[in-house]
């Protein structure tokens, strides 16, 4: 993700501000699959590593997820997923949110 942030690796960016970057997943699991990351990691490699100092960026990421849902036309619903750790299937250790929608999602997910 650092190389995506530095624009060394190309991505299809759908949202960017001073705190966050969102781009289309290269292996989408739904018609809309956007990955949202904080621009500054500051030790936030996974949700279970969050500290009180991360509250602002965590809140910002959830608000941006809502904006992306609107922008992507997901008014009928979408899912926001954070995979945490090996048993949670986290594959990149830079906190990231998946915004998934555009089809009926199933429950339970796993």
N, C-alpha and C. Protein backbone atom coordinates (compact mmCIF):
# COMPACT_ATOMS: atom_id res chain seq x y z
N UNK A 1 0.83 -1.21 0.00
CA UNK A 1 0.00 0.00 0.00
C UNK A 1 0.86 1.26 0.00
N UNK A 2 2.05 1.16 0.58
CA UNK A 2 2.93 2.32 0.57
C UNK A 2 3.27 2.73 -0.86
N UNK A 3 3.46 1.75 -1.74
CA UNK A 3 3.79 2.06 -3.14
C UNK A 3 2.58 2.63 -3.89
N UNK A 4 1.39 2.26 -3.47
CA UNK A 4 0.19 2.87 -4.05
C UNK A 4 0.09 4.31 -3.58
N UNK A 5 0.35 4.54 -2.29
CA UNK A 5 0.32 5.90 -1.75
C UNK A 5 1.32 6.82 -2.44
N UNK A 6 2.51 6.29 -2.72
CA UNK A 6 3.56 7.10 -3.35
C UNK A 6 3.41 7.14 -4.87
N UNK A 7 2.37 6.48 -5.38
CA UNK A 7 2.07 6.43 -6.83
C UNK A 7 3.13 5.65 -7.61
N UNK A 8 3.92 4.81 -6.94
CA UNK A 8 4.88 3.93 -7.63
C UNK A 8 4.16 2.78 -8.32
N UNK A 9 3.05 2.35 -7.74
CA UNK A 9 2.21 1.32 -8.33
C UNK A 9 0.91 2.01 -8.74
N UNK A 10 0.48 1.83 -9.99
CA UNK A 10 -0.75 2.48 -10.43
C UNK A 10 -1.98 1.86 -9.77
N UNK A 11 -2.97 2.68 -9.57
CA UNK A 11 -4.25 2.22 -9.03
C UNK A 11 -5.34 3.12 -9.57
N UNK A 12 -6.56 2.63 -9.48
CA UNK A 12 -7.71 3.43 -9.89
C UNK A 12 -8.26 4.09 -8.63
N UNK A 13 -7.89 5.33 -8.43
CA UNK A 13 -8.27 6.07 -7.22
C UNK A 13 -9.71 6.56 -7.35
N UNK A 14 -10.49 6.30 -6.30
CA UNK A 14 -11.88 6.77 -6.29
C UNK A 14 -12.10 7.89 -5.27
N UNK A 15 -11.15 8.05 -4.34
CA UNK A 15 -11.26 9.11 -3.33
C UNK A 15 -9.88 9.39 -2.77
N UNK A 16 -9.61 10.67 -2.51
CA UNK A 16 -8.36 11.03 -1.85
C UNK A 16 -8.55 12.35 -1.13
N UNK A 17 -8.03 12.41 0.08
CA UNK A 17 -7.94 13.66 0.82
C UNK A 17 -6.62 13.64 1.59
N UNK A 18 -6.43 14.55 2.53
CA UNK A 18 -5.15 14.62 3.23
C UNK A 18 -4.92 13.46 4.20
N UNK A 19 -5.98 12.71 4.57
CA UNK A 19 -5.85 11.62 5.54
C UNK A 19 -6.06 10.23 4.96
N UNK A 20 -6.69 10.13 3.79
CA UNK A 20 -7.09 8.81 3.29
C UNK A 20 -6.98 8.72 1.78
N UNK A 21 -6.85 7.48 1.33
CA UNK A 21 -6.83 7.18 -0.10
C UNK A 21 -7.68 5.93 -0.32
N UNK A 22 -8.52 5.98 -1.35
CA UNK A 22 -9.36 4.83 -1.69
C UNK A 22 -9.17 4.49 -3.16
N UNK A 23 -9.09 3.20 -3.43
CA UNK A 23 -8.84 2.75 -4.80
C UNK A 23 -9.58 1.43 -5.03
N UNK A 24 -9.80 1.11 -6.28
CA UNK A 24 -10.49 -0.13 -6.64
C UNK A 24 -9.58 -1.34 -6.37
N UNK A 25 -10.16 -2.37 -5.78
CA UNK A 25 -9.42 -3.60 -5.50
C UNK A 25 -9.07 -4.29 -6.82
N UNK A 26 -7.85 -4.83 -6.92
CA UNK A 26 -7.43 -5.48 -8.16
C UNK A 26 -8.02 -6.89 -8.30
N UNK A 27 -8.59 -7.42 -7.22
CA UNK A 27 -9.25 -8.73 -7.25
C UNK A 27 -10.63 -8.57 -6.60
N UNK A 28 -11.54 -7.87 -7.28
CA UNK A 28 -12.83 -7.52 -6.65
C UNK A 28 -13.67 -8.74 -6.29
N UNK A 29 -14.30 -8.65 -5.13
CA UNK A 29 -15.18 -9.70 -4.63
C UNK A 29 -16.65 -9.33 -4.76
N UNK A 30 -16.92 -8.18 -5.37
CA UNK A 30 -18.28 -7.69 -5.61
C UNK A 30 -18.18 -6.70 -6.76
N UNK A 31 -19.31 -6.35 -7.39
CA UNK A 31 -19.25 -5.37 -8.47
C UNK A 31 -18.58 -4.05 -8.07
N UNK A 32 -18.78 -3.64 -6.83
CA UNK A 32 -18.04 -2.50 -6.27
C UNK A 32 -17.18 -3.05 -5.15
N UNK A 33 -15.88 -2.87 -5.27
CA UNK A 33 -14.95 -3.30 -4.22
C UNK A 33 -13.83 -2.26 -4.16
N UNK A 34 -13.93 -1.40 -3.16
CA UNK A 34 -12.98 -0.31 -2.97
C UNK A 34 -12.20 -0.56 -1.69
N UNK A 35 -10.90 -0.31 -1.74
CA UNK A 35 -10.03 -0.43 -0.56
C UNK A 35 -9.71 0.98 -0.09
N UNK A 36 -9.90 1.21 1.20
CA UNK A 36 -9.69 2.53 1.81
C UNK A 36 -8.59 2.42 2.86
N UNK A 37 -7.56 3.27 2.74
CA UNK A 37 -6.43 3.21 3.66
C UNK A 37 -6.12 4.59 4.23
N UNK A 38 -5.59 4.62 5.46
CA UNK A 38 -5.08 5.89 5.98
C UNK A 38 -3.76 6.21 5.30
N UNK A 39 -3.49 7.47 5.06
CA UNK A 39 -2.23 7.86 4.42
C UNK A 39 -1.04 7.73 5.35
N UNK A 40 -1.27 7.92 6.63
CA UNK A 40 -0.19 7.80 7.62
C UNK A 40 -0.50 6.60 8.51
N UNK A 41 0.40 5.66 8.53
CA UNK A 41 0.17 4.42 9.28
C UNK A 41 0.29 4.64 10.78
N UNK A 42 1.35 5.28 11.25
CA UNK A 42 1.55 5.60 12.67
C UNK A 42 1.28 4.40 13.58
N UNK A 43 1.80 3.22 13.19
CA UNK A 43 1.62 2.03 14.01
C UNK A 43 0.29 1.32 13.80
N UNK A 44 -0.57 1.87 12.97
CA UNK A 44 -1.90 1.30 12.75
C UNK A 44 -1.83 0.27 11.62
N UNK A 45 -1.19 -0.84 11.91
CA UNK A 45 -1.04 -1.90 10.92
C UNK A 45 -2.27 -2.79 10.85
N UNK A 46 -3.03 -2.83 11.92
CA UNK A 46 -4.28 -3.60 11.97
C UNK A 46 -5.16 -3.01 13.05
N UNK A 47 -6.45 -3.29 12.98
CA UNK A 47 -7.39 -2.68 13.92
C UNK A 47 -7.05 -3.03 15.37
N UNK A 48 -6.61 -4.24 15.62
CA UNK A 48 -6.30 -4.63 17.00
C UNK A 48 -5.07 -3.91 17.55
N UNK A 49 -4.35 -3.18 16.73
CA UNK A 49 -3.21 -2.37 17.18
C UNK A 49 -3.60 -0.92 17.42
N UNK A 50 -4.87 -0.58 17.21
CA UNK A 50 -5.33 0.80 17.38
C UNK A 50 -5.13 1.27 18.82
N UNK A 51 -4.76 2.54 18.92
CA UNK A 51 -4.60 3.20 20.22
C UNK A 51 -5.51 4.42 20.24
N UNK A 52 -5.62 5.02 21.42
CA UNK A 52 -6.47 6.20 21.54
C UNK A 52 -6.09 7.29 20.54
N UNK A 53 -4.80 7.42 20.24
CA UNK A 53 -4.35 8.45 19.30
C UNK A 53 -4.88 8.23 17.88
N UNK A 54 -5.41 7.05 17.59
CA UNK A 54 -5.91 6.74 16.26
C UNK A 54 -7.41 7.00 16.09
N UNK A 55 -8.07 7.46 17.16
CA UNK A 55 -9.53 7.63 17.10
C UNK A 55 -9.96 8.55 15.96
N UNK A 56 -9.26 9.64 15.75
CA UNK A 56 -9.66 10.58 14.71
C UNK A 56 -9.57 9.96 13.32
N UNK A 57 -8.48 9.27 13.04
CA UNK A 57 -8.33 8.68 11.70
C UNK A 57 -9.32 7.53 11.51
N UNK A 58 -9.59 6.76 12.55
CA UNK A 58 -10.56 5.67 12.43
C UNK A 58 -11.95 6.23 12.14
N UNK A 59 -12.34 7.27 12.82
CA UNK A 59 -13.63 7.92 12.55
C UNK A 59 -13.67 8.49 11.15
N UNK A 60 -12.58 9.09 10.73
CA UNK A 60 -12.50 9.66 9.39
C UNK A 60 -12.67 8.58 8.33
N UNK A 61 -12.02 7.44 8.53
CA UNK A 61 -12.14 6.35 7.56
C UNK A 61 -13.58 5.86 7.44
N UNK A 62 -14.29 5.75 8.54
CA UNK A 62 -15.69 5.32 8.47
C UNK A 62 -16.55 6.36 7.77
N UNK A 63 -16.29 7.63 8.02
CA UNK A 63 -17.04 8.68 7.33
C UNK A 63 -16.75 8.64 5.83
N UNK A 64 -15.50 8.46 5.46
CA UNK A 64 -15.13 8.38 4.04
C UNK A 64 -15.78 7.15 3.40
N UNK A 65 -15.87 6.04 4.13
CA UNK A 65 -16.55 4.85 3.60
C UNK A 65 -17.99 5.20 3.24
N UNK A 66 -18.64 5.99 4.05
CA UNK A 66 -20.01 6.44 3.76
C UNK A 66 -20.04 7.29 2.50
N UNK A 67 -19.08 8.20 2.36
CA UNK A 67 -19.01 9.03 1.16
C UNK A 67 -18.81 8.19 -0.10
N UNK A 68 -17.95 7.18 0.01
CA UNK A 68 -17.70 6.29 -1.13
C UNK A 68 -18.96 5.51 -1.47
N UNK A 69 -19.66 5.02 -0.46
CA UNK A 69 -20.92 4.32 -0.71
C UNK A 69 -21.89 5.17 -1.50
N UNK A 70 -22.00 6.44 -1.15
CA UNK A 70 -22.86 7.37 -1.88
C UNK A 70 -22.36 7.58 -3.30
N UNK A 71 -21.06 7.84 -3.43
CA UNK A 71 -20.45 8.12 -4.73
C UNK A 71 -20.59 6.93 -5.68
N UNK A 72 -20.52 5.72 -5.14
CA UNK A 72 -20.59 4.52 -5.95
C UNK A 72 -22.03 4.04 -6.19
N UNK A 73 -23.01 4.81 -5.71
CA UNK A 73 -24.42 4.46 -5.94
C UNK A 73 -24.90 3.25 -5.15
N UNK A 74 -24.40 3.09 -3.94
CA UNK A 74 -24.74 1.93 -3.12
C UNK A 74 -25.83 2.25 -2.10
N UNK A 75 -26.81 3.04 -2.51
CA UNK A 75 -27.88 3.46 -1.60
C UNK A 75 -28.70 2.33 -1.02
N UNK A 76 -28.73 1.17 -1.69
CA UNK A 76 -29.49 0.03 -1.17
C UNK A 76 -28.70 -0.79 -0.16
N UNK A 77 -27.43 -0.43 0.04
CA UNK A 77 -26.64 -1.10 1.06
C UNK A 77 -25.29 -1.56 0.56
N UNK A 78 -24.39 -1.72 1.49
CA UNK A 78 -23.03 -2.17 1.20
C UNK A 78 -22.43 -2.68 2.50
N UNK A 79 -21.27 -3.27 2.39
CA UNK A 79 -20.59 -3.81 3.56
C UNK A 79 -19.23 -3.14 3.69
N UNK A 80 -18.83 -2.86 4.93
CA UNK A 80 -17.50 -2.35 5.23
C UNK A 80 -16.82 -3.44 6.06
N UNK A 81 -15.67 -3.91 5.58
CA UNK A 81 -14.98 -5.03 6.21
C UNK A 81 -13.56 -4.62 6.57
N UNK A 82 -13.15 -4.98 7.78
CA UNK A 82 -11.75 -4.84 8.19
C UNK A 82 -11.29 -6.24 8.60
N UNK A 83 -10.36 -6.79 7.85
CA UNK A 83 -9.76 -8.07 8.22
C UNK A 83 -8.64 -7.79 9.22
N UNK A 84 -8.60 -8.55 10.31
CA UNK A 84 -7.61 -8.28 11.36
C UNK A 84 -6.85 -9.56 11.70
N UNK A 85 -5.57 -9.53 11.43
CA UNK A 85 -4.70 -10.64 11.83
C UNK A 85 -4.85 -11.87 10.95
N UNK A 86 -4.02 -12.87 11.21
CA UNK A 86 -4.01 -14.07 10.38
C UNK A 86 -5.33 -14.83 10.36
N UNK A 87 -6.00 -14.96 11.49
CA UNK A 87 -7.27 -15.68 11.50
C UNK A 87 -8.40 -14.85 10.88
N UNK A 88 -8.19 -13.55 10.76
CA UNK A 88 -9.16 -12.68 10.10
C UNK A 88 -8.85 -12.48 8.63
N UNK A 89 -7.88 -13.24 8.12
CA UNK A 89 -7.48 -13.20 6.70
C UNK A 89 -6.86 -11.88 6.27
N UNK A 90 -6.20 -11.18 7.20
CA UNK A 90 -5.50 -9.96 6.81
C UNK A 90 -4.25 -10.34 6.04
N UNK A 91 -4.08 -9.78 4.84
CA UNK A 91 -2.93 -10.13 4.01
C UNK A 91 -1.94 -8.99 3.87
N UNK A 92 -2.37 -7.76 4.11
CA UNK A 92 -1.49 -6.59 4.05
C UNK A 92 -1.57 -5.90 5.41
N UNK A 93 -0.42 -5.73 6.06
CA UNK A 93 -0.41 -5.15 7.40
C UNK A 93 -0.23 -3.64 7.37
N UNK A 94 -1.23 -3.02 6.79
CA UNK A 94 -1.47 -1.56 6.79
C UNK A 94 -2.98 -1.53 6.89
N UNK A 95 -3.51 -0.98 7.99
CA UNK A 95 -4.96 -1.01 8.18
C UNK A 95 -5.66 -0.61 6.90
N UNK A 96 -6.68 -1.36 6.51
CA UNK A 96 -7.47 -1.02 5.34
C UNK A 96 -8.90 -1.52 5.50
N UNK A 97 -9.80 -0.77 4.90
CA UNK A 97 -11.21 -1.11 4.91
C UNK A 97 -11.61 -1.52 3.50
N UNK A 98 -12.42 -2.56 3.40
CA UNK A 98 -12.99 -2.97 2.12
C UNK A 98 -14.43 -2.46 2.10
N UNK A 99 -14.81 -1.76 1.05
CA UNK A 99 -16.19 -1.33 0.84
C UNK A 99 -16.71 -2.17 -0.32
N UNK A 100 -17.70 -3.01 -0.01
CA UNK A 100 -18.21 -3.98 -0.98
C UNK A 100 -19.69 -3.76 -1.20
N UNK A 101 -20.12 -3.79 -2.46
CA UNK A 101 -21.54 -3.65 -2.75
C UNK A 101 -21.82 -3.87 -4.22
N UNK A 102 -23.05 -3.56 -4.59
CA UNK A 102 -23.46 -3.71 -5.98
C UNK A 102 -24.13 -5.04 -6.27
N UNK A 103 -24.29 -5.88 -5.26
CA UNK A 103 -25.01 -7.14 -5.37
C UNK A 103 -25.49 -7.53 -3.98
N UNK A 104 -26.40 -8.49 -3.91
CA UNK A 104 -26.85 -8.99 -2.61
C UNK A 104 -25.71 -9.74 -1.93
N UNK A 105 -25.30 -9.29 -0.78
CA UNK A 105 -24.25 -9.94 -0.01
C UNK A 105 -24.87 -10.98 0.91
N UNK A 106 -24.14 -12.02 1.21
CA UNK A 106 -24.67 -13.12 2.03
C UNK A 106 -24.21 -12.98 3.48
N UNK A 107 -24.95 -13.65 4.37
CA UNK A 107 -24.59 -13.69 5.77
C UNK A 107 -24.83 -15.09 6.28
N UNK A 108 -23.96 -15.71 7.03
CA UNK A 108 -22.69 -15.16 7.48
C UNK A 108 -21.68 -15.10 6.34
N UNK A 109 -20.72 -14.17 6.47
CA UNK A 109 -19.77 -13.96 5.38
C UNK A 109 -18.69 -15.01 5.26
N UNK A 110 -18.30 -15.67 6.35
CA UNK A 110 -17.12 -16.54 6.32
C UNK A 110 -17.39 -17.91 5.99
